[in-house]
Amino acid sequence: AADIAAALVRLADMVAVTGTLHVAGPRAVSRATLAQAFAEYLGGSGAGARVPTGSLADSGLDRPGHLVLDTSRAAGLGIACRDLAVTLVR
């Protein structure tokens, strides 16, 4: 949240920037990896291993299986977020 807030503050001074801008960490992570990282952060060591995972087909949901944000435009403006492994550390 701190990285996104900093990006918004920085963008507030960039009135010429319009359109879609993806601001995210430098490394793509899966939904399962993100959920496991949050579980570790909130529930302590080993909590991530208890997060149930499965395939997209098993979920019955109709959504893309691989979705990655393109952060190159933000990076070109000097806006970047830290890696997930750095931000979710107590």
Protein backbone atom coordinates (compact mmCIF):
# COMPACT_ATOMS: atom_id res chain seq x y z
CA ALA A 1 0.00 0.00 0.00
CA ALA A 2 2.87 2.38 0.79
CA ASP A 3 4.36 1.89 -2.68
CA ILE A 4 1.03 2.55 -4.40
CA ALA A 5 0.47 5.64 -2.23
CA ALA A 6 3.93 6.95 -3.16
CA ALA A 7 3.18 6.31 -6.84
CA LEU A 8 -0.09 8.27 -6.57
CA VAL A 9 1.64 11.20 -4.89
CA ARG A 10 4.27 11.22 -7.62
CA LEU A 11 1.64 10.98 -10.36
CA ALA A 12 -0.29 13.91 -8.89
CA ASP A 13 2.49 16.17 -10.18
CA MET A 14 2.51 14.55 -13.63
CA VAL A 15 -0.59 16.17 -15.12
CA ALA A 16 0.44 15.22 -18.66
CA VAL A 17 0.23 11.50 -17.86
CA THR A 18 -3.14 10.09 -18.93
CA GLY A 19 -4.58 6.68 -19.64
CA THR A 20 -3.90 3.33 -18.06
CA LEU A 21 -0.80 2.94 -15.94
CA HIS A 22 0.00 -0.37 -14.27
CA VAL A 23 1.90 -0.01 -11.01
CA ALA A 24 3.04 -3.27 -9.45
CA GLY A 25 6.08 -5.13 -8.24
CA PRO A 26 8.89 -6.13 -10.60
CA ARG A 27 8.09 -9.85 -10.57
CA ALA A 28 4.94 -11.58 -11.77
CA VAL A 29 3.38 -13.82 -9.12
CA SER A 30 0.47 -16.24 -9.37
CA ARG A 31 -2.74 -15.84 -7.42
CA ALA A 32 -1.72 -18.81 -5.28
CA THR A 33 1.72 -17.35 -4.55
CA LEU A 34 0.14 -14.03 -3.56
CA ALA A 35 -2.36 -15.76 -1.26
CA GLN A 36 0.40 -17.86 0.31
CA ALA A 37 2.57 -14.78 0.88
CA PHE A 38 -0.30 -12.97 2.62
CA ALA A 39 -1.00 -16.06 4.74
CA GLU A 40 2.65 -16.21 5.83
CA TYR A 41 2.60 -12.51 6.67
CA LEU A 42 -0.65 -12.64 8.62
CA GLY A 43 -0.52 -16.14 10.05
CA GLY A 44 3.15 -16.80 10.64
CA SER A 45 5.62 -19.34 9.41
CA GLY A 46 4.01 -22.31 7.68
CA ALA A 47 0.65 -20.59 7.16
CA GLY A 48 1.23 -20.31 3.42
CA ALA A 49 1.46 -24.07 3.07
CA ARG A 50 -2.07 -24.36 4.46
CA VAL A 51 -3.59 -22.21 1.68
CA PRO A 52 -5.57 -24.54 -0.57
CA THR A 53 -4.65 -24.31 -4.24
CA GLY A 54 -5.98 -25.96 -7.35
CA SER A 55 -6.22 -25.58 -11.07
CA LEU A 56 -8.33 -23.01 -12.87
CA ALA A 57 -10.32 -25.86 -14.43
CA ASP A 58 -11.10 -27.25 -10.97
CA SER A 59 -12.38 -23.85 -9.81
CA GLY A 60 -15.12 -23.73 -12.45
CA LEU A 61 -14.35 -20.05 -13.04
CA ASP A 62 -14.15 -18.52 -16.48
CA ARG A 63 -11.14 -16.20 -16.31
CA PRO A 64 -7.66 -15.94 -17.81
CA GLY A 65 -5.18 -18.41 -16.41
CA HIS A 66 -2.19 -16.13 -16.91
CA LEU A 67 -2.56 -12.41 -16.40
CA VAL A 68 0.46 -10.12 -15.99
CA LEU A 69 0.48 -6.35 -15.70
CA ASP A 70 2.84 -4.46 -18.01
CA THR A 71 4.65 -2.02 -15.71
CA SER A 72 7.08 -0.72 -18.35
CA ARG A 73 5.25 2.60 -18.77
CA ALA A 74 5.35 3.27 -15.04
CA ALA A 75 9.01 2.28 -14.92
CA GLY A 76 9.72 4.74 -17.72
CA LEU A 77 8.25 7.45 -15.50
CA GLY A 78 10.46 6.37 -12.60
CA ILE A 79 7.62 4.69 -10.73
CA ALA A 80 8.14 1.22 -9.33
CA CYS A 81 7.03 -0.93 -6.43
CA ARG A 82 9.19 -3.16 -4.32
CA ASP A 83 9.12 -6.93 -4.74
CA LEU A 84 6.51 -8.88 -2.79
CA ALA A 85 9.23 -10.70 -0.83
CA VAL A 86 10.53 -7.34 0.43
CA THR A 87 7.21 -5.75 1.30
CA LEU A 88 5.68 -8.62 3.28
CA VAL A 89 8.35 -8.83 5.95
CA ARG A 90 7.66 -8.25 9.62
